[in-house]
């Protein structure tokens, strides 16, 4: 195929666009949880603001790794597996940033735990929405061509 997205044509730009759109959703979620738990807008804003930079980079890497896994590109189970693997990495990032900005283990555990639940659902919905965008998307590999046996040949 002359334009193979697995070799980079369109795939990197798609990964970056997905990272940015997810970061918008994720930042809003983190800010809300940070505000609800710390009751401090400055702390919530600092955590969410820092995540804009750390998580775009980490999410981009996560997308690139998942593009190497050609298992069922259109499957709901793939979207769920990506959501869970991303949430592990994302929650660890949130935990570390919360510790940096608040110094409170209780806040770090609470915010990372709360957003782990909401963001798995949000990420799954984000993945399914991006499956509707055809630009740069992975497709199921075509089935292997069938070989006609001599007895099946039509004269």
Protein backbone atom coordinates (compact mmCIF):
# COMPACT_ATOMS: atom_id res chain seq x y z
CA UNK A 1 0.00 0.00 0.00
CA UNK A 2 1.66 3.33 -1.03
CA UNK A 3 0.20 5.25 1.93
CA UNK A 4 0.65 2.96 4.91
CA UNK A 5 -0.22 4.73 8.17
CA UNK A 6 1.61 2.08 10.19
CA UNK A 7 4.81 3.41 8.59
CA UNK A 8 4.12 6.93 9.81
CA UNK A 9 2.05 8.56 7.05
CA UNK A 10 -0.72 10.25 9.03
CA UNK A 11 -0.25 8.14 12.15
CA UNK A 12 1.96 10.56 14.07
CA UNK A 13 -0.31 13.53 13.40
CA UNK A 14 -3.34 11.49 14.46
CA UNK A 15 -1.57 10.42 17.66
CA UNK A 16 -0.75 14.05 18.43
CA UNK A 17 -4.31 15.23 17.71
CA UNK A 18 -5.70 12.48 19.95
CA UNK A 19 -3.23 13.42 22.69
CA UNK A 20 -4.34 17.06 22.60
CA UNK A 21 -8.06 16.30 22.50
CA UNK A 22 -7.73 13.80 25.33
CA UNK A 23 -5.68 16.26 27.37
CA UNK A 24 -8.52 18.80 27.19
CA UNK A 25 -10.96 16.23 28.57
CA UNK A 26 -8.45 14.91 31.11
CA UNK A 27 -7.42 18.35 32.37
CA UNK A 28 -11.01 19.31 33.08
CA UNK A 29 -11.55 16.03 34.95
CA UNK A 30 -8.35 16.45 37.00
CA UNK A 31 -9.17 20.05 37.86
CA UNK A 32 -12.67 19.10 39.06
CA UNK A 33 -11.36 16.23 41.23
CA UNK A 34 -8.52 18.39 42.53
CA UNK A 35 -10.94 21.13 43.49
CA UNK A 36 -13.42 18.74 45.11
CA UNK A 37 -10.73 16.98 47.15
CA UNK A 38 -8.34 19.80 48.11
CA UNK A 39 -10.94 22.59 48.12
CA UNK A 40 -8.13 24.80 46.80
CA UNK A 41 -8.45 26.22 43.30
CA UNK A 42 -4.74 27.06 43.16
CA UNK A 43 -3.68 23.50 43.98
CA UNK A 44 -6.22 22.01 41.55
CA UNK A 45 -5.09 24.42 38.84
CA UNK A 46 -1.41 23.65 39.44
CA UNK A 47 -1.94 19.90 39.21
CA UNK A 48 -4.15 20.15 36.11
CA UNK A 49 -1.87 22.72 34.49
CA UNK A 50 1.26 20.63 34.97
CA UNK A 51 -0.54 17.60 33.54
CA UNK A 52 -1.10 19.45 30.30
CA UNK A 53 2.62 19.18 29.63
CA UNK A 54 3.49 15.85 31.21
CA UNK A 55 0.53 13.91 29.91
CA UNK A 56 0.54 15.12 26.30
CA UNK A 57 4.06 13.75 26.01
CA UNK A 58 3.32 10.50 27.85
CA UNK A 59 0.01 9.99 26.00
CA UNK A 60 1.76 10.46 22.65
CA UNK A 61 4.24 7.72 23.62
CA UNK A 62 1.34 5.50 24.75
CA UNK A 63 -0.36 5.97 21.36
CA UNK A 64 2.85 5.13 19.50
CA UNK A 65 3.27 1.90 21.49
CA UNK A 66 -0.34 0.88 20.83
CA UNK A 67 0.13 1.47 17.09
CA UNK A 68 2.77 -1.28 17.18
CA UNK A 69 0.13 -3.69 18.50
CA UNK A 70 -1.92 -4.58 15.44
CA UNK A 71 -4.47 -6.58 17.43
CA UNK A 72 -8.09 -5.77 16.44
CA UNK A 73 -7.84 -2.03 15.60
CA UNK A 74 -11.64 -1.59 15.56
CA UNK A 75 -12.53 -3.74 18.55
CA UNK A 76 -14.22 -2.43 21.67
CA UNK A 77 -11.96 -4.70 23.73
CA UNK A 78 -8.88 -2.95 22.30
CA UNK A 79 -10.32 0.42 23.34
CA UNK A 80 -10.92 -0.94 26.83
CA UNK A 81 -7.41 -2.40 27.08
CA UNK A 82 -5.93 0.92 25.96
CA UNK A 83 -8.08 2.76 28.50
CA UNK A 84 -6.87 0.56 31.36
CA UNK A 85 -3.19 0.69 30.38
CA UNK A 86 -3.33 4.46 29.92
CA UNK A 87 -5.14 4.94 33.21
CA UNK A 88 -2.37 3.14 35.08
CA UNK A 89 0.27 5.44 33.59
CA UNK A 90 -1.94 8.53 33.89
CA UNK A 91 -2.84 7.89 37.53
CA UNK A 92 0.80 7.48 38.43
CA UNK A 93 1.53 10.86 36.81
CA UNK A 94 -1.37 12.48 38.71
CA UNK A 95 -0.20 10.94 41.97
CA UNK A 96 3.35 12.29 41.52
CA UNK A 97 2.17 15.78 40.50
CA UNK A 98 -0.27 15.97 43.41
CA UNK A 99 2.52 15.08 45.82
CA UNK A 100 4.74 17.77 44.26
CA UNK A 101 2.09 20.52 44.45
CA UNK A 102 0.38 19.67 47.74
CA UNK A 103 2.84 17.53 49.67
CA UNK A 104 -0.13 15.56 51.00
CA UNK A 105 -0.25 11.81 50.48
CA UNK A 106 -3.97 11.80 51.30
CA UNK A 107 -4.69 14.19 48.42
CA UNK A 108 -2.45 12.28 46.01
CA UNK A 109 -4.16 8.96 46.74
CA UNK A 110 -7.66 10.49 46.68
CA UNK A 111 -7.28 12.42 43.41
CA UNK A 112 -5.46 9.60 41.57
CA UNK A 113 -8.05 7.06 42.75
CA UNK A 114 -11.10 9.17 41.93
CA UNK A 115 -9.92 10.08 38.45
CA UNK A 116 -8.91 6.48 37.75
CA UNK A 117 -12.59 5.59 37.80
CA UNK A 118 -13.94 8.53 35.80
CA UNK A 119 -11.12 8.61 33.28
CA UNK A 120 -11.41 4.97 32.24
CA UNK A 121 -14.97 5.72 31.14
CA UNK A 122 -14.00 9.06 29.58
CA UNK A 123 -11.03 7.51 27.75
CA UNK A 124 -13.14 4.68 26.38
CA UNK A 125 -15.66 7.21 25.03
CA UNK A 126 -12.79 9.28 23.60
CA UNK A 127 -11.38 6.20 21.83
CA UNK A 128 -14.75 5.31 20.35
CA UNK A 129 -15.29 8.90 19.18
CA UNK A 130 -11.89 8.87 17.45
CA UNK A 131 -12.83 5.62 15.67
CA UNK A 132 -15.40 7.74 13.81
CA UNK A 133 -12.58 9.93 12.41
CA UNK A 134 -11.13 8.19 9.36
CA UNK A 135 -8.03 10.39 9.02
CA UNK A 136 -4.85 8.39 9.81
CA UNK A 137 -6.71 5.54 11.47
CA UNK A 138 -5.54 1.93 11.64
CA UNK A 139 -7.76 -0.46 9.76
CA UNK A 140 -8.26 -4.18 10.03
CA UNK A 141 -5.71 -5.88 7.77
CA UNK A 142 -7.29 -7.18 4.56
CA UNK A 143 -8.02 -10.91 4.51
CA UNK A 144 -5.42 -12.99 2.65
CA UNK A 145 -6.32 -13.52 -0.98
CA UNK A 146 -8.00 -16.82 -1.61
CA UNK A 147 -6.31 -19.11 -4.07
CA UNK A 148 -8.61 -20.84 -6.52
CA UNK A 149 -7.87 -24.53 -6.88
CA UNK A 150 -7.71 -25.92 -10.42
CA UNK A 151 -10.96 -27.81 -9.90
CA UNK A 152 -12.69 -24.54 -8.96
CA UNK A 153 -11.56 -22.70 -12.07
CA UNK A 154 -14.36 -21.47 -14.28
CA UNK A 155 -13.84 -22.21 -18.01
